[in-house]
Protein backbone atom coordinates (compact mmCIF):
# COMPACT_ATOMS: atom_id res chain seq x y z
CA MET A 1 26.72 -21.56 64.30
CA SER A 2 23.62 -22.35 66.60
CA LYS A 3 21.46 -25.14 66.19
CA GLN A 4 18.75 -23.12 65.48
CA ASP A 5 20.61 -22.18 62.62
CA THR A 6 21.53 -24.50 60.83
CA HIS A 7 17.59 -26.36 61.05
CA PHE A 8 16.49 -22.56 58.94
CA PHE A 9 18.86 -23.14 56.30
CA ASN A 10 17.86 -26.73 56.05
CA VAL A 11 13.86 -25.69 56.18
CA PHE A 12 15.19 -22.73 53.79
CA SER A 13 17.08 -24.75 51.57
CA LEU A 14 14.36 -27.58 51.68
CA VAL A 15 12.08 -24.97 50.76
CA ILE A 16 13.60 -23.25 47.80
CA GLY A 17 14.62 -26.80 46.29
CA LEU A 18 10.79 -27.68 45.89
CA LEU A 19 10.31 -24.56 44.74
CA VAL A 20 12.46 -24.45 41.66
CA THR A 21 11.66 -28.65 40.82
CA ILE A 22 7.20 -27.40 40.53
CA THR A 23 8.40 -24.49 38.57
CA ILE A 24 10.84 -26.87 35.53
CA VAL A 25 7.74 -29.43 36.09
CA LEU A 26 5.45 -26.64 35.33
CA PHE A 27 7.93 -25.52 32.25
CA ALA A 28 8.27 -28.88 30.99
CA LEU A 29 4.19 -29.78 31.10
CA ALA A 30 3.79 -26.17 28.89
CA ARG A 31 5.96 -27.22 26.67
CA VAL A 32 4.09 -30.76 26.02
CA VAL A 33 0.56 -29.21 26.50
CA ALA A 34 2.00 -26.03 23.79
CA SER A 35 3.42 -28.77 21.44
CA HIS A 36 0.61 -31.26 20.60
CA THR A 37 -1.58 -27.70 20.84
CA GLN A 38 0.45 -25.68 18.18
CA GLU A 39 0.52 -27.88 15.81
CA ALA A 40 -3.38 -28.58 16.18
CA ASN A 41 -3.61 -24.72 15.60
CA VAL A 42 -1.61 -24.27 12.82
CA LEU A 43 -2.69 -27.49 10.82
CA THR A 44 -7.01 -26.66 11.33
CA GLU A 45 -6.49 -22.89 10.75
CA PRO A 46 -6.71 -22.81 6.40
CA ASP A 47 -5.56 -19.32 6.22
CA TYR A 48 -2.27 -19.32 8.52
CA SER A 49 0.07 -20.43 5.44
CA ARG A 50 -0.79 -17.68 3.65
CA ASN A 51 -1.25 -14.98 6.46
CA VAL A 52 1.94 -15.26 7.19
CA ALA A 53 3.48 -15.39 3.69
CA SER A 54 2.20 -12.18 3.14
CA ARG A 55 3.40 -10.58 6.57
CA ILE A 56 6.84 -12.02 5.65
CA ALA A 57 6.82 -10.94 1.53
CA GLU A 58 9.32 -7.78 0.76
CA PRO A 59 7.23 -4.40 0.48
CA THR A 60 7.70 -3.06 -2.82
CA ARG A 61 9.87 -3.64 -5.87
CA GLU A 62 12.18 -1.92 -7.62
CA ALA A 63 12.74 -1.55 -11.70
CA VAL A 64 16.86 -1.93 -11.52
CA ALA A 65 18.75 -1.02 -14.40
CA GLY A 66 20.34 -3.36 -16.02
CA GLN A 67 17.94 -6.30 -15.04
CA ASP A 68 14.96 -7.96 -16.30
CA ASN A 69 12.29 -5.91 -14.56
CA SER A 70 9.57 -7.98 -16.47
CA ALA A 71 7.59 -9.57 -13.69
CA LEU A 72 7.09 -5.70 -12.76
CA ALA A 73 5.10 -4.68 -15.47
CA ILE A 74 2.27 -2.92 -15.52
CA LYS A 75 -1.05 -5.62 -15.71
CA THR A 76 -3.57 -4.55 -18.03
CA ALA A 77 -7.14 -5.58 -17.70
CA THR A 78 -6.24 -9.08 -19.08
CA SER A 79 -3.78 -10.39 -17.77
CA ALA A 80 -5.09 -9.65 -14.23
CA THR A 81 -5.91 -12.40 -11.96
CA ALA A 82 -9.80 -13.33 -11.83
CA GLY A 83 -8.84 -12.89 -7.91
CA GLY A 84 -7.32 -9.04 -7.51
CA SER A 85 -8.70 -6.17 -9.14
CA ALA A 86 -9.02 -5.67 -12.93
CA ALA A 87 -6.98 -1.97 -14.40
CA PRO A 88 -9.09 0.15 -15.70
CA ALA A 89 -10.38 -0.01 -19.43
CA MET A 90 -7.75 2.03 -21.42
CA PRO A 91 -9.85 5.14 -22.66
CA LYS A 92 -10.14 5.30 -26.54
CA ASN A 93 -10.00 9.16 -26.03
CA GLY A 94 -9.56 12.72 -23.84
CA THR A 95 -12.82 12.30 -22.92
CA GLU A 96 -13.22 9.06 -21.95
CA LEU A 97 -10.68 9.65 -20.09
CA PHE A 98 -11.11 12.06 -18.18
CA GLU A 99 -14.15 10.63 -17.18
CA GLN A 100 -12.06 7.46 -15.86
CA THR A 101 -9.07 9.44 -14.14
CA CYS A 102 -9.21 13.55 -14.14
CA SER A 103 -12.40 13.99 -13.20
CA VAL A 104 -11.38 12.26 -9.59
CA CYS A 105 -9.96 15.40 -8.99
CA HIS A 106 -10.84 17.85 -11.23
CA GLY A 107 -15.35 17.14 -10.46
CA GLN A 108 -15.11 18.03 -7.36
CA GLY A 109 -11.58 20.63 -6.70
CA ILE A 110 -9.85 17.67 -5.21
CA ALA A 111 -5.56 18.86 -3.85
CA GLY A 112 -6.61 22.58 -5.16
CA ALA A 113 -6.68 21.13 -8.71
CA PRO A 114 -9.37 23.45 -10.48
CA LYS A 115 -13.21 21.75 -11.59
CA ALA A 116 -13.44 21.46 -14.96
CA GLY A 117 -15.76 23.65 -16.67
CA ASP A 118 -14.50 26.47 -13.97
CA LYS A 119 -13.94 29.66 -16.14
CA ALA A 120 -12.12 31.78 -13.28
CA ALA A 121 -9.81 29.02 -12.06
CA TRP A 122 -9.12 27.44 -15.53
CA ALA A 123 -8.64 31.68 -16.57
CA PRO A 124 -5.03 31.68 -15.72
CA ARG A 125 -3.79 28.64 -16.78
CA ILE A 126 -4.97 29.02 -19.74
CA ALA A 127 -3.77 32.19 -20.08
CA GLU A 128 0.25 30.00 -19.30
CA GLY A 129 -0.44 28.68 -22.87
CA LYS A 130 -1.09 25.02 -24.13
CA ALA A 131 2.64 24.17 -23.78
CA VAL A 132 2.50 24.91 -20.50
CA LEU A 133 -0.58 22.92 -19.67
CA TYR A 134 0.30 19.85 -21.98
CA SER A 135 3.95 20.40 -19.34
CA HIS A 136 1.74 19.44 -15.91
CA ALA A 137 -0.20 17.30 -16.89
CA LEU A 138 2.59 15.02 -18.47
CA GLN A 139 5.50 15.59 -15.76
CA GLY A 140 3.54 16.67 -12.23
CA PHE A 141 3.69 19.64 -10.96
CA GLN A 142 2.76 21.53 -7.66
CA GLY A 143 1.94 24.60 -7.26
CA LYS A 144 0.16 27.59 -3.97
CA THR A 145 -2.75 25.83 -4.50
CA GLY A 146 -2.65 22.14 -5.29
CA VAL A 147 -0.52 19.80 -6.59
CA MET A 148 -0.87 17.76 -10.33
CA PRO A 149 0.74 14.60 -9.96
CA PRO A 150 1.92 13.00 -13.87
CA LYS A 151 -0.55 12.11 -16.30
CA GLY A 152 -3.01 12.24 -12.56
CA GLY A 153 -1.86 9.37 -11.23
CA ARG A 154 -2.19 7.27 -14.46
CA THR A 155 1.26 6.98 -15.77
CA ASP A 156 0.31 3.70 -18.22
CA MET A 157 -1.18 6.41 -20.16
CA PRO A 158 -0.14 7.61 -23.64
CA ASP A 159 1.07 11.75 -23.56
CA ASP A 160 -1.21 11.73 -26.18
CA LEU A 161 -4.48 10.76 -25.07
CA VAL A 162 -3.11 13.00 -22.10
CA LYS A 163 -3.33 16.13 -24.26
CA GLN A 164 -6.44 15.40 -25.40
CA ALA A 165 -7.44 15.17 -22.03
CA VAL A 166 -6.44 18.42 -21.62
CA ASP A 167 -7.84 19.91 -24.64
CA HIS A 168 -11.22 18.41 -23.38
CA MET A 169 -10.72 20.92 -20.02
CA VAL A 170 -10.01 23.94 -20.83
CA GLN A 171 -13.07 23.12 -24.38
CA MET A 172 -14.83 22.80 -21.35
CA ALA A 173 -13.70 26.28 -19.47
CA GLN A 174 -14.15 27.98 -21.90
């Protein structure tokens, strides 16, 4: 090996050593600076822990047979928290239920729902009989022209009230 080669290897090793040392020093400096500023930012941001909690919260909660599922109960307007939105008040009759819930789809014909009062759209449905209309309203229905969710999406409604709302819509279409 020549003297030039030895000199090259020595200089090359020295340069590589200096670069590795500089890299380690910069990494250590970045860790020290980040540890001080990161803690300061976390402590000064008031919503930080709330944001973290919302991101790691369990996505769904399901009722399991044979276990206490009382925490999953639907909250009524009186038990809703002040910051949350209150559930709609329980309607007293089928007309109120129609105005609160049914009119959302049946007022505009959303998702293929026959518009309230449209005699042509309601005639074939009425011809099938009230038992079929009640069944579709209570249990849901997916037909050729649209979808009816069970109880119009208000599964907290009693069956009798849903039947009254169906009667109200039938009267509107006659």
